[in-house]
Amino acid sequence: MEYGKKVWIFPDAEMPPVGVNAIPGHESIIITNVCDRDAHIRITLLYTERDPVTDIEVTVGAKRVRCLRTNEERDFGQHTAREGEQYAIMLESDVPVVAQYGRAEPRTVSFYTTPGYCE
């Protein structure tokens, strides 16, 4: 049986600044693939005041999980998140996956995760 969905949207992404006691903030997308074949995923970044980015592609191996840090070049290439910029993230996969967004919010010393809208 395959679990998950092929399209996920996270409408509230924002790389938080350094916060209380110089604690760094971070955000990430966690993708779980329970299928028997690799998931090939295209990531689209949608911004308030600039053109979308549509050329980020990642693979999540069969029966694997992958954490993508939005501020890491190894995960987002030249499109790493800018501190304080509001944007949305859309994932499109060729197999069903389960995805979740997480943010370490140092301004309030909290961490939260949320599932996105999925189709």
PDB file of N, CA and C in Angstrom:
ATOM      1  N   MET A   1       0.842  -1.182   0.000  1.00  0.00           N
ATOM      2  CA  MET A   1       0.000   0.000   0.000  1.00  0.00           C
ATOM      3  C   MET A   1       0.885   1.241   0.000  1.00  0.00           C
ATOM      4  N   GLU A   2       0.473   2.258  -0.746  1.00  0.00           N
ATOM      5  CA  GLU A   2       1.189   3.523  -0.785  1.00  0.00           C
ATOM      6  C   GLU A   2       0.477   4.534   0.111  1.00  0.00           C
ATOM      7  N   TYR A   3       1.245   5.272   0.896  1.00  0.00           N
ATOM      8  CA  TYR A   3       0.708   6.293   1.786  1.00  0.00           C
ATOM      9  C   TYR A   3       1.217   7.651   1.337  1.00  0.00           C
ATOM     10  N   GLY A   4       0.433   8.680   1.573  1.00  0.00           N
ATOM     11  CA  GLY A   4       0.860  10.032   1.265  1.00  0.00           C
ATOM     12  C   GLY A   4       0.137  10.613   0.078  1.00  0.00           C
ATOM     13  N   LYS A   5       0.641  11.746  -0.357  1.00  0.00           N
ATOM     14  CA  LYS A   5       0.074  12.492  -1.478  1.00  0.00           C
ATOM     15  C   LYS A   5       1.207  12.944  -2.387  1.00  0.00           C
ATOM     16  N   LYS A   6       0.845  13.344  -3.610  1.00  0.00           N
ATOM     17  CA  LYS A   6       1.853  13.751  -4.587  1.00  0.00           C
ATOM     18  C   LYS A   6       2.135  15.253  -4.595  1.00  0.00           C
ATOM     19  N   VAL A   7       1.232  16.062  -4.048  1.00  0.00           N
ATOM     20  CA  VAL A   7       1.429  17.511  -4.005  1.00  0.00           C
ATOM     21  C   VAL A   7       1.238  17.997  -2.575  1.00  0.00           C
ATOM     22  N   TRP A   8       2.206  18.766  -2.097  1.00  0.00           N
ATOM     23  CA  TRP A   8       2.154  19.361  -0.754  1.00  0.00           C
ATOM     24  C   TRP A   8       2.464  20.839  -0.864  1.00  0.00           C
ATOM     25  N   ILE A   9       1.711  21.669  -0.128  1.00  0.00           N
ATOM     26  CA  ILE A   9       1.949  23.114  -0.116  1.00  0.00           C
ATOM     27  C   ILE A   9       2.055  23.588   1.328  1.00  0.00           C
ATOM     28  N   PHE A  10       3.111  24.349   1.581  1.00  0.00           N
ATOM     29  CA  PHE A  10       3.353  24.951   2.895  1.00  0.00           C
ATOM     30  C   PHE A  10       3.319  26.468   2.699  1.00  0.00           C
ATOM     31  N   PRO A  11       2.200  27.116   3.051  1.00  0.00           N
ATOM     32  CA  PRO A  11       2.029  28.529   2.722  1.00  0.00           C
ATOM     33  C   PRO A  11       2.769  29.505   3.632  1.00  0.00           C
ATOM     34  N   ASP A  12       3.259  29.080   4.778  1.00  0.00           N
ATOM     35  CA  ASP A  12       3.865  30.005   5.734  1.00  0.00           C
ATOM     36  C   ASP A  12       5.313  29.651   6.023  1.00  0.00           C
ATOM     37  N   ALA A  13       6.188  29.934   5.069  1.00  0.00           N
ATOM     38  CA  ALA A  13       7.613  29.702   5.276  1.00  0.00           C
ATOM     39  C   ALA A  13       8.301  31.046   5.489  1.00  0.00           C
ATOM     40  N   GLU A  14       9.269  31.060   6.393  1.00  0.00           N
ATOM     41  CA  GLU A  14      10.059  32.258   6.661  1.00  0.00           C
ATOM     42  C   GLU A  14      11.269  31.850   7.491  1.00  0.00           C
ATOM     43  N   MET A  15      12.445  32.120   6.983  1.00  0.00           N
ATOM     44  CA  MET A  15      13.677  31.828   7.720  1.00  0.00           C
ATOM     45  C   MET A  15      13.799  32.826   8.861  1.00  0.00           C
ATOM     46  N   PRO A  16      13.698  32.365  10.122  1.00  0.00           N
ATOM     47  CA  PRO A  16      13.753  33.302  11.246  1.00  0.00           C
ATOM     48  C   PRO A  16      15.172  33.805  11.497  1.00  0.00           C
ATOM     49  N   PRO A  17      15.290  35.002  12.080  1.00  0.00           N
ATOM     50  CA  PRO A  17      16.612  35.542  12.409  1.00  0.00           C
ATOM     51  C   PRO A  17      17.152  34.916  13.687  1.00  0.00           C
ATOM     52  N   VAL A  18      18.382  35.265  14.011  1.00  0.00           N
ATOM     53  CA  VAL A  18      18.965  34.862  15.291  1.00  0.00           C
ATOM     54  C   VAL A  18      18.115  35.486  16.394  1.00  0.00           C
ATOM     55  N   GLY A  19      17.897  34.733  17.450  1.00  0.00           N
ATOM     56  CA  GLY A  19      17.005  35.205  18.490  1.00  0.00           C
ATOM     57  C   GLY A  19      17.658  35.348  19.849  1.00  0.00           C
ATOM     58  N   VAL A  20      16.899  35.035  20.868  1.00  0.00           N
ATOM     59  CA  VAL A  20      17.295  35.160  22.262  1.00  0.00           C
ATOM     60  C   VAL A  20      18.616  34.413  22.510  1.00  0.00           C
ATOM     61  N   ASN A  21      19.557  35.079  23.172  1.00  0.00           N
ATOM     62  CA  ASN A  21      20.861  34.479  23.518  1.00  0.00           C
ATOM     63  C   ASN A  21      21.607  33.950  22.293  1.00  0.00           C
ATOM     64  N   ALA A  22      21.430  34.612  21.151  1.00  0.00           N
ATOM     65  CA  ALA A  22      22.116  34.263  19.895  1.00  0.00           C
ATOM     66  C   ALA A  22      21.781  32.861  19.400  1.00  0.00           C
ATOM     67  N   ILE A  23      20.619  32.353  19.753  1.00  0.00           N
ATOM     68  CA  ILE A  23      20.180  31.044  19.264  1.00  0.00           C
ATOM     69  C   ILE A  23      19.802  31.186  17.792  1.00  0.00           C
ATOM     70  N   PRO A  24      20.420  30.391  16.907  1.00  0.00           N
ATOM     71  CA  PRO A  24      20.071  30.508  15.485  1.00  0.00           C
ATOM     72  C   PRO A  24      18.715  29.867  15.196  1.00  0.00           C
ATOM     73  N   GLY A  25      18.005  30.452  14.252  1.00  0.00           N
ATOM     74  CA  GLY A  25      16.753  29.857  13.802  1.00  0.00           C
ATOM     75  C   GLY A  25      17.013  28.958  12.608  1.00  0.00           C
ATOM     76  N   HIS A  26      16.096  28.081  12.331  1.00  0.00           N
ATOM     77  CA  HIS A  26      16.172  27.302  11.099  1.00  0.00           C
ATOM     78  C   HIS A  26      14.781  26.825  10.719  1.00  0.00           C
ATOM     79  N   GLU A  27      14.660  26.421   9.468  1.00  0.00           N
ATOM     80  CA  GLU A  27      13.429  25.804   9.007  1.00  0.00           C
ATOM     81  C   GLU A  27      13.806  24.655   8.084  1.00  0.00           C
ATOM     82  N   SER A  28      12.909  23.692   7.994  1.00  0.00           N
ATOM     83  CA  SER A  28      13.192  22.525   7.170  1.00  0.00           C
ATOM     84  C   SER A  28      11.898  21.895   6.679  1.00  0.00           C
ATOM     85  N   ILE A  29      12.051  21.131   5.618  1.00  0.00           N
ATOM     86  CA  ILE A  29      10.979  20.299   5.092  1.00  0.00           C
ATOM     87  C   ILE A  29      11.432  18.858   5.299  1.00  0.00           C
ATOM     88  N   ILE A  30      10.586  18.044   5.903  1.00  0.00           N
ATOM     89  CA  ILE A  30      10.897  16.640   6.127  1.00  0.00           C
ATOM     90  C   ILE A  30       9.975  15.830   5.226  1.00  0.00           C
ATOM     91  N   ILE A  31      10.566  14.980   4.387  1.00  0.00           N
ATOM     92  CA  ILE A  31       9.799  14.190   3.423  1.00  0.00           C
ATOM     93  C   ILE A  31      10.023  12.717   3.719  1.00  0.00           C
ATOM     94  N   THR A  32       8.925  11.972   3.862  1.00  0.00           N
ATOM     95  CA  THR A  32       8.990  10.539   4.103  1.00  0.00           C
ATOM     96  C   THR A  32       8.415   9.805   2.904  1.00  0.00           C
ATOM     97  N   ASN A  33       9.179   8.855   2.398  1.00  0.00           N
ATOM     98  CA  ASN A  33       8.757   8.048   1.254  1.00  0.00           C
ATOM     99  C   ASN A  33       8.657   6.594   1.704  1.00  0.00           C
ATOM    100  N   VAL A  34       7.450   6.074   1.827  1.00  0.00           N
ATOM    101  CA  VAL A  34       7.279   4.675   2.237  1.00  0.00           C
ATOM    102  C   VAL A  34       7.050   3.760   1.043  1.00  0.00           C
ATOM    103  N   CYS A  35       7.150   4.299  -0.172  1.00  0.00           N
ATOM    104  CA  CYS A  35       6.971   3.497  -1.392  1.00  0.00           C
ATOM    105  C   CYS A  35       8.183   2.607  -1.649  1.00  0.00           C
ATOM    106  N   ASP A  36       8.009   1.644  -2.535  1.00  0.00           N
ATOM    107  CA  ASP A  36       9.088   0.736  -2.919  1.00  0.00           C
ATOM    108  C   ASP A  36       9.986   1.312  -4.013  1.00  0.00           C
ATOM    109  N   ARG A  37       9.717   2.538  -4.450  1.00  0.00           N
ATOM    110  CA  ARG A  37      10.562   3.170  -5.464  1.00  0.00           C
ATOM    111  C   ARG A  37      10.893   4.605  -5.034  1.00  0.00           C
ATOM    112  N   ASP A  38      11.995   5.130  -5.562  1.00  0.00           N
ATOM    113  CA  ASP A  38      12.434   6.480  -5.215  1.00  0.00           C
ATOM    114  C   ASP A  38      11.382   7.519  -5.579  1.00  0.00           C
ATOM    115  N   ALA A  39      11.326   8.587  -4.792  1.00  0.00           N
ATOM    116  CA  ALA A  39      10.450   9.730  -5.072  1.00  0.00           C
ATOM    117  C   ALA A  39      11.293  10.842  -5.681  1.00  0.00           C
ATOM    118  N   HIS A  40      10.901  11.290  -6.870  1.00  0.00           N
ATOM    119  CA  HIS A  40      11.567  12.414  -7.530  1.00  0.00           C
ATOM    120  C   HIS A  40      10.661  13.627  -7.336  1.00  0.00           C
ATOM    121  N   ILE A  41      11.200  14.637  -6.666  1.00  0.00           N
ATOM    122  CA  ILE A  41      10.383  15.756  -6.201  1.00  0.00           C
ATOM    123  C   ILE A  41      10.890  17.066  -6.784  1.00  0.00           C
ATOM    124  N   ARG A  42       9.941  17.841  -7.330  1.00  0.00           N
ATOM    125  CA  ARG A  42      10.252  19.193  -7.793  1.00  0.00           C
ATOM    126  C   ARG A  42       9.732  20.166  -6.738  1.00  0.00           C
ATOM    127  N   ILE A  43      10.589  21.100  -6.340  1.00  0.00           N
ATOM    128  CA  ILE A  43      10.228  22.105  -5.342  1.00  0.00           C
ATOM    129  C   ILE A  43      10.049  23.446  -6.043  1.00  0.00           C
ATOM    130  N   THR A  44       8.922  24.093  -5.755  1.00  0.00           N
ATOM    131  CA  THR A  44       8.656  25.445  -6.241  1.00  0.00           C
ATOM    132  C   THR A  44       8.573  26.366  -5.035  1.00  0.00           C
ATOM    133  N   LEU A  45       9.257  27.498  -5.118  1.00  0.00           N
ATOM    134  CA  LEU A  45       9.212  28.519  -4.074  1.00  0.00           C
ATOM    135  C   LEU A  45       8.423  29.701  -4.619  1.00  0.00           C
ATOM    136  N   LEU A  46       7.400  30.116  -3.888  1.00  0.00           N
ATOM    137  CA  LEU A  46       6.537  31.220  -4.294  1.00  0.00           C
ATOM    138  C   LEU A  46       6.753  32.392  -3.340  1.00  0.00           C
ATOM    139  N   TYR A  47       7.034  33.559  -3.895  1.00  0.00           N
ATOM    140  CA  TYR A  47       7.390  34.728  -3.096  1.00  0.00           C
ATOM    141  C   TYR A  47       6.328  35.819  -3.185  1.00  0.00           C
ATOM    142  N   THR A  48       6.386  36.738  -2.246  1.00  0.00           N
ATOM    143  CA  THR A  48       5.487  37.884  -2.228  1.00  0.00           C
ATOM    144  C   THR A  48       5.844  38.888  -3.319  1.00  0.00           C
ATOM    145  N   GLU A  49       7.147  39.141  -3.489  1.00  0.00           N
ATOM    146  CA  GLU A  49       7.551  40.225  -4.374  1.00  0.00           C
ATOM    147  C   GLU A  49       8.602  39.864  -5.414  1.00  0.00           C
ATOM    148  N   ARG A  50       8.750  38.584  -5.722  1.00  0.00           N
ATOM    149  CA  ARG A  50       9.663  38.209  -6.803  1.00  0.00           C
ATOM    150  C   ARG A  50       9.156  36.952  -7.489  1.00  0.00           C
ATOM    151  N   ASP A  51       9.737  36.656  -8.641  1.00  0.00           N
ATOM    152  CA  ASP A  51       9.276  35.534  -9.443  1.00  0.00           C
ATOM    153  C   ASP A  51       9.495  34.196  -8.732  1.00  0.00           C
ATOM    154  N   PRO A  52       8.633  33.223  -9.010  1.00  0.00           N
ATOM    155  CA  PRO A  52       8.802  31.898  -8.405  1.00  0.00           C
ATOM    156  C   PRO A  52      10.093  31.222  -8.862  1.00  0.00           C
ATOM    157  N   VAL A  53      10.598  30.338  -8.016  1.00  0.00           N
ATOM    158  CA  VAL A  53      11.730  29.471  -8.355  1.00  0.00           C
ATOM    159  C   VAL A  53      11.142  28.099  -8.613  1.00  0.00           C
ATOM    160  N   THR A  54      11.475  27.496  -9.751  1.00  0.00           N
ATOM    161  CA  THR A  54      10.855  26.214 -10.120  1.00  0.00           C
ATOM    162  C   THR A  54      11.862  25.117 -10.448  1.00  0.00           C
ATOM    163  N   ASP A  55      13.149  25.371 -10.239  1.00  0.00           N
ATOM    164  CA  ASP A  55      14.160  24.422 -10.725  1.00  0.00           C
ATOM    165  C   ASP A  55      14.887  23.639  -9.632  1.00  0.00           C
ATOM    166  N   ILE A  56      14.263  23.466  -8.477  1.00  0.00           N
ATOM    167  CA  ILE A  56      14.895  22.677  -7.417  1.00  0.00           C
ATOM    168  C   ILE A  56      14.339  21.258  -7.486  1.00  0.00           C
ATOM    169  N   GLU A  57      15.209  20.287  -7.620  1.00  0.00           N
ATOM    170  CA  GLU A  57      14.784  18.887  -7.682  1.00  0.00           C
ATOM    171  C   GLU A  57      15.570  18.071  -6.668  1.00  0.00           C
ATOM    172  N   VAL A  58      14.866  17.195  -5.960  1.00  0.00           N
ATOM    173  CA  VAL A  58      15.495  16.309  -4.980  1.00  0.00           C
ATOM    174  C   VAL A  58      14.928  14.908  -5.139  1.00  0.00           C
ATOM    175  N   THR A  59      15.672  13.946  -4.628  1.00  0.00           N
ATOM    176  CA  THR A  59      15.212  12.562  -4.615  1.00  0.00           C
ATOM    177  C   THR A  59      15.187  12.077  -3.172  1.00  0.00           C
ATOM    178  N   VAL A  60      14.119  11.383  -2.829  1.00  0.00           N
ATOM    179  CA  VAL A  60      14.023  10.719  -1.535  1.00  0.00           C
ATOM    180  C   VAL A  60      13.950   9.234  -1.847  1.00  0.00           C
ATOM    181  N   GLY A  61      14.918   8.487  -1.376  1.00  0.00           N
ATOM    182  CA  GLY A  61      15.000   7.064  -1.674  1.00  0.00           C
ATOM    183  C   GLY A  61      13.778   6.286  -1.213  1.00  0.00           C
ATOM    184  N   ALA A  62      13.596   5.130  -1.814  1.00  0.00           N
ATOM    185  CA  ALA A  62      12.498   4.231  -1.434  1.00  0.00           C
ATOM    186  C   ALA A  62      12.633   3.862   0.040  1.00  0.00           C
ATOM    187  N   LYS A  63      11.519   3.951   0.756  1.00  0.00           N
ATOM    188  CA  LYS A  63      11.476   3.625   2.190  1.00  0.00           C
ATOM    189  C   LYS A  63      12.515   4.409   2.998  1.00  0.00           C
ATOM    190  N   ARG A  64      12.615   5.722   2.679  1.00  0.00           N
ATOM    191  CA  ARG A  64      13.573   6.606   3.346  1.00  0.00           C
ATOM    192  C   ARG A  64      12.889   7.905   3.759  1.00  0.00           C
ATOM    193  N   VAL A  65      13.589   8.657   4.593  1.00  0.00           N
ATOM    194  CA  VAL A  65      13.164   9.991   5.002  1.00  0.00           C
ATOM    195  C   VAL A  65      14.311  10.941   4.680  1.00  0.00           C
ATOM    196  N   ARG A  66      13.957  12.168   4.334  1.00  0.00           N
ATOM    197  CA  ARG A  66      14.987  13.169   4.028  1.00  0.00           C
ATOM    198  C   ARG A  66      14.568  14.510   4.613  1.00  0.00           C
ATOM    199  N   CYS A  67      15.506  15.155   5.285  1.00  0.00           N
ATOM    200  CA  CYS A  67      15.284  16.478   5.852  1.00  0.00           C
ATOM    201  C   CYS A  67      16.020  17.487   4.983  1.00  0.00           C
ATOM    202  N   LEU A  68      15.300  18.473   4.490  1.00  0.00           N
ATOM    203  CA  LEU A  68      15.873  19.526   3.657  1.00  0.00           C
ATOM    204  C   LEU A  68      15.870  20.827   4.450  1.00  0.00           C
ATOM    205  N   ARG A  69      17.031  21.365   4.722  1.00  0.00           N
ATOM    206  CA  ARG A  69      17.140  22.655   5.417  1.00  0.00           C
ATOM    207  C   ARG A  69      17.095  23.760   4.366  1.00  0.00           C
ATOM    208  N   THR A  70      16.183  24.685   4.532  1.00  0.00           N
ATOM    209  CA  THR A  70      16.000  25.732   3.527  1.00  0.00           C
ATOM    210  C   THR A  70      17.176  26.694   3.424  1.00  0.00           C
ATOM    211  N   ASN A  71      18.030  26.742   4.436  1.00  0.00           N
ATOM    212  CA  ASN A  71      19.185  27.640   4.391  1.00  0.00           C
ATOM    213  C   ASN A  71      20.474  26.917   4.005  1.00  0.00           C
ATOM    214  N   GLU A  72      20.371  25.685   3.558  1.00  0.00           N
ATOM    215  CA  GLU A  72      21.552  24.898   3.183  1.00  0.00           C
ATOM    216  C   GLU A  72      21.653  24.776   1.663  1.00  0.00           C
ATOM    217  N   GLU A  73      22.804  25.182   1.109  1.00  0.00           N
ATOM    218  CA  GLU A  73      23.005  25.072  -0.342  1.00  0.00           C
ATOM    219  C   GLU A  73      22.922  23.636  -0.833  1.00  0.00           C
ATOM    220  N   ARG A  74      23.353  22.682  -0.019  1.00  0.00           N
ATOM    221  CA  ARG A  74      23.313  21.282  -0.466  1.00  0.00           C
ATOM    222  C   ARG A  74      21.874  20.819  -0.709  1.00  0.00           C
ATOM    223  N   ASP A  75      20.891  21.488  -0.078  1.00  0.00           N
ATOM    224  CA  ASP A  75      19.487  21.121  -0.252  1.00  0.00           C
ATOM    225  C   ASP A  75      18.739  22.039  -1.222  1.00  0.00           C
ATOM    226  N   PHE A  76      19.000  23.348  -1.157  1.00  0.00           N
ATOM    227  CA  PHE A  76      18.247  24.317  -1.961  1.00  0.00           C
ATOM    228  C   PHE A  76      19.114  25.065  -2.970  1.00  0.00           C
ATOM    229  N   GLY A  77      20.359  24.658  -3.138  1.00  0.00           N
ATOM    230  CA  GLY A  77      21.225  25.293  -4.126  1.00  0.00           C
ATOM    231  C   GLY A  77      21.335  26.783  -3.899  1.00  0.00           C
ATOM    232  N   GLN A  78      21.319  27.545  -4.978  1.00  0.00           N
ATOM    233  CA  GLN A  78      21.444  29.002  -4.888  1.00  0.00           C
ATOM    234  C   GLN A  78      20.180  29.669  -4.357  1.00  0.00           C
ATOM    235  N   HIS A  79      19.135  28.898  -4.117  1.00  0.00           N
ATOM    236  CA  HIS A  79      17.850  29.444  -3.689  1.00  0.00           C
ATOM    237  C   HIS A  79      17.613  29.278  -2.186  1.00  0.00           C
ATOM    238  N   THR A  80      18.677  29.345  -1.407  1.00  0.00           N
ATOM    239  CA  THR A  80      18.513  29.214   0.041  1.00  0.00           C
ATOM    240  C   THR A  80      17.660  30.354   0.580  1.00  0.00           C
ATOM    241  N   ALA A  81      16.967  30.080   1.678  1.00  0.00           N
ATOM    242  CA  ALA A  81      16.045  31.042   2.268  1.00  0.00           C
ATOM    243  C   ALA A  81      16.775  32.280   2.768  1.00  0.00           C
ATOM    244  N   ARG A  82      16.138  33.420   2.570  1.00  0.00           N
ATOM    245  CA  ARG A  82      16.655  34.690   3.086  1.00  0.00           C
ATOM    246  C   ARG A  82      15.959  34.991   4.407  1.00  0.00           C
ATOM    247  N   GLU A  83      16.734  35.416   5.356  1.00  0.00           N
ATOM    248  CA  GLU A  83      16.197  35.711   6.681  1.00  0.00           C
ATOM    249  C   GLU A  83      15.061  36.737   6.600  1.00  0.00           C
ATOM    250  N   GLY A  84      13.923  36.386   7.198  1.00  0.00           N
ATOM    251  CA  GLY A  84      12.787  37.285   7.295  1.00  0.00           C
ATOM    252  C   GLY A  84      11.919  37.403   6.056  1.00  0.00           C
ATOM    253  N   GLU A  85      12.249  36.706   4.976  1.00  0.00           N
ATOM    254  CA  GLU A  85      11.456  36.796   3.743  1.00  0.00           C
ATOM    255  C   GLU A  85      10.298  35.797   3.780  1.00  0.00           C
ATOM    256  N   GLN A  86       9.098  36.284   3.566  1.00  0.00           N
ATOM    257  CA  GLN A  86       7.907  35.433   3.536  1.00  0.00           C
ATOM    258  C   GLN A  86       7.823  34.731   2.178  1.00  0.00           C
ATOM    259  N   TYR A  87       7.556  33.435   2.191  1.00  0.00           N
ATOM    260  CA  TYR A  87       7.389  32.680   0.953  1.00  0.00           C
ATOM    261  C   TYR A  87       6.597  31.414   1.234  1.00  0.00           C
ATOM    262  N   ALA A  88       6.257  30.694   0.180  1.00  0.00           N
ATOM    263  CA  ALA A  88       5.547  29.421   0.291  1.00  0.00           C
ATOM    264  C   ALA A  88       6.349  28.361  -0.451  1.00  0.00           C
ATOM    265  N   ILE A  89       6.154  27.113  -0.046  1.00  0.00           N
ATOM    266  CA  ILE A  89       6.874  25.987  -0.638  1.00  0.00           C
ATOM    267  C   ILE A  89       5.867  24.994  -1.188  1.00  0.00           C
ATOM    268  N   MET A  90       6.058  24.582  -2.446  1.00  0.00           N
ATOM    269  CA  MET A  90       5.220  23.543  -3.036  1.00  0.00           C
ATOM    270  C   MET A  90       6.112  22.376  -3.455  1.00  0.00           C
ATOM    271  N   LEU A  91       5.707  21.164  -3.075  1.00  0.00           N
ATOM    272  CA  LEU A  91       6.406  19.940  -3.462  1.00  0.00           C
ATOM    273  C   LEU A  91       5.517  19.169  -4.425  1.00  0.00           C
ATOM    274  N   GLU A  92       6.091  18.695  -5.527  1.00  0.00           N
ATOM    275  CA  GLU A  92       5.372  17.837  -6.472  1.00  0.00           C
ATOM    276  C   GLU A  92       6.199  16.570  -6.662  1.00  0.00           C
ATOM    277  N   SER A  93       5.620  15.430  -6.312  1.00  0.00           N
ATOM    278  CA  SER A  93       6.339  14.160  -6.330  1.00  0.00           C
ATOM    279  C   SER A  93       5.721  13.209  -7.346  1.00  0.00           C
ATOM    280  N   ASP A  94       6.546  12.322  -7.894  1.00  0.00           N
ATOM    281  CA  ASP A  94       6.020  11.326  -8.832  1.00  0.00           C
ATOM    282  C   ASP A  94       5.440  10.099  -8.122  1.00  0.00           C
ATOM    283  N   VAL A  95       5.663   9.964  -6.824  1.00  0.00           N
ATOM    284  CA  VAL A  95       5.034   8.922  -6.009  1.00  0.00           C
ATOM    285  C   VAL A  95       4.487   9.584  -4.745  1.00  0.00           C
ATOM    286  N   PRO A  96       3.507   8.992  -4.085  1.00  0.00           N
ATOM    287  CA  PRO A  96       2.983   9.596  -2.857  1.00  0.00           C
ATOM    288  C   PRO A  96       4.056   9.650  -1.762  1.00  0.00           C
ATOM    289  N   VAL A  97       4.113  10.797  -1.083  1.00  0.00           N
ATOM    290  CA  VAL A  97       5.017  11.000   0.054  1.00  0.00           C
ATOM    291  C   VAL A  97       4.235  11.703   1.161  1.00  0.00           C
ATOM    292  N   VAL A  98       4.817  11.708   2.345  1.00  0.00           N
ATOM    293  CA  VAL A  98       4.277  12.488   3.459  1.00  0.00           C
ATOM    294  C   VAL A  98       5.299  13.574   3.756  1.00  0.00           C
ATOM    295  N   ALA A  99       4.824  14.822   3.882  1.00  0.00           N
ATOM    296  CA  ALA A  99       5.739  15.938   4.094  1.00  0.00           C
ATOM    297  C   ALA A  99       5.285  16.786   5.277  1.00  0.00           C
ATOM    298  N   GLN A 100       6.266  17.422   5.897  1.00  0.00           N
ATOM    299  CA  GLN A 100       6.009  18.243   7.072  1.00  0.00           C
ATOM    300  C   GLN A 100       6.993  19.403   7.059  1.00  0.00           C
ATOM    301  N   TYR A 101       6.543  20.563   7.531  1.00  0.00           N
ATOM    302  CA  TYR A 101       7.385  21.749   7.648  1.00  0.00           C
ATOM    303  C   TYR A 101       7.705  21.959   9.122  1.00  0.00           C
ATOM    304  N   GLY A 102       8.953  22.310   9.415  1.00  0.00           N
ATOM    305  CA  GLY A 102       9.342  22.605  10.791  1.00  0.00           C
ATOM    306  C   GLY A 102      10.137  23.887  10.857  1.00  0.00           C
ATOM    307  N   ARG A 103       9.930  24.644  11.931  1.00  0.00           N
ATOM    308  CA  ARG A 103      10.674  25.892  12.122  1.00  0.00           C
ATOM    309  C   ARG A 103      11.119  26.004  13.570  1.00  0.00           C
ATOM    310  N   ALA A 104      12.407  26.266  13.766  1.00  0.00           N
ATOM    311  CA  ALA A 104      12.919  26.620  15.086  1.00  0.00           C
ATOM    312  C   ALA A 104      12.845  28.135  15.159  1.00  0.00           C
ATOM    313  N   GLU A 105      12.006  28.624  16.034  1.00  0.00           N
ATOM    314  CA  GLU A 105      11.718  30.057  16.140  1.00  0.00           C
ATOM    315  C   GLU A 105      12.412  30.619  17.375  1.00  0.00           C
ATOM    316  N   PRO A 106      13.631  31.178  17.209  1.00  0.00           N
ATOM    317  CA  PRO A 106      14.397  31.618  18.371  1.00  0.00           C
ATOM    318  C   PRO A 106      13.893  32.914  19.003  1.00  0.00           C
ATOM    319  N   ARG A 107      13.048  33.677  18.291  1.00  0.00           N
ATOM    320  CA  ARG A 107      12.532  34.922  18.879  1.00  0.00           C
ATOM    321  C   ARG A 107      11.636  34.620  20.075  1.00  0.00           C
ATOM    322  N   THR A 108      10.991  33.463  20.033  1.00  0.00           N
ATOM    323  CA  THR A 108      10.127  33.050  21.147  1.00  0.00           C
ATOM    324  C   THR A 108      10.619  31.758  21.782  1.00  0.00           C
ATOM    325  N   VAL A 109      11.792  31.296  21.363  1.00  0.00           N
ATOM    326  CA  VAL A 109      12.396  30.052  21.827  1.00  0.00           C
ATOM    327  C   VAL A 109      11.381  28.916  21.748  1.00  0.00           C
ATOM    328  N   SER A 110      10.960  28.631  20.523  1.00  0.00           N
ATOM    329  CA  SER A 110       9.993  27.555  20.303  1.00  0.00           C
ATOM    330  C   SER A 110      10.319  26.817  19.011  1.00  0.00           C
ATOM    331  N   PHE A 111       9.738  25.660  18.877  1.00  0.00           N
ATOM    332  CA  PHE A 111       9.872  24.863  17.664  1.00  0.00           C
ATOM    333  C   PHE A 111       8.494  24.334  17.326  1.00  0.00           C
ATOM    334  N   TYR A 112       8.146  24.429  16.071  1.00  0.00           N
ATOM    335  CA  TYR A 112       6.856  23.856  15.704  1.00  0.00           C
ATOM    336  C   TYR A 112       6.946  23.168  14.351  1.00  0.00           C
ATOM    337  N   THR A 113       6.059  22.246  14.150  1.00  0.00           N
ATOM    338  CA  THR A 113       5.940  21.548  12.880  1.00  0.00           C
ATOM    339  C   THR A 113       4.489  21.611  12.435  1.00  0.00           C
ATOM    340  N   THR A 114       4.299  21.477  11.151  1.00  0.00           N
ATOM    341  CA  THR A 114       2.940  21.487  10.623  1.00  0.00           C
ATOM    342  C   THR A 114       2.886  20.696   9.329  1.00  0.00           C
ATOM    343  N   PRO A 115       1.849  19.908   9.158  1.00  0.00           N
ATOM    344  CA  PRO A 115       1.646  19.305   7.843  1.00  0.00           C
ATOM    345  C   PRO A 115       1.117  20.377   6.913  1.00  0.00           C
ATOM    346  N   GLY A 116       1.345  20.222   5.658  1.00  0.00           N
ATOM    347  CA  GLY A 116       0.849  21.198   4.682  1.00  0.00           C
ATOM    348  C   GLY A 116      -0.466  20.758   4.089  1.00  0.00           C
ATOM    349  N   TYR A 117      -0.947  21.534   3.154  1.00  0.00           N
ATOM    350  CA  TYR A 117      -2.110  21.160   2.360  1.00  0.00           C
ATOM    351  C   TYR A 117      -1.625  20.128   1.356  1.00  0.00           C
ATOM    352  N   CYS A 118      -2.387  19.096   1.129  1.00  0.00           N
ATOM    353  CA  CYS A 118      -1.945  18.071   0.191  1.00  0.00           C
ATOM    354  C   CYS A 118      -3.075  17.664  -0.749  1.00  0.00           C
ATOM    355  N   GLU A 119      -2.696  17.185  -1.928  1.00  0.00           N
ATOM    356  CA  GLU A 119      -3.622  16.720  -2.960  1.00  0.00           C
ATOM    357  C   GLU A 119      -3.249  15.309  -3.346  1.00  0.00           C
TER     358      GLU A 119
END
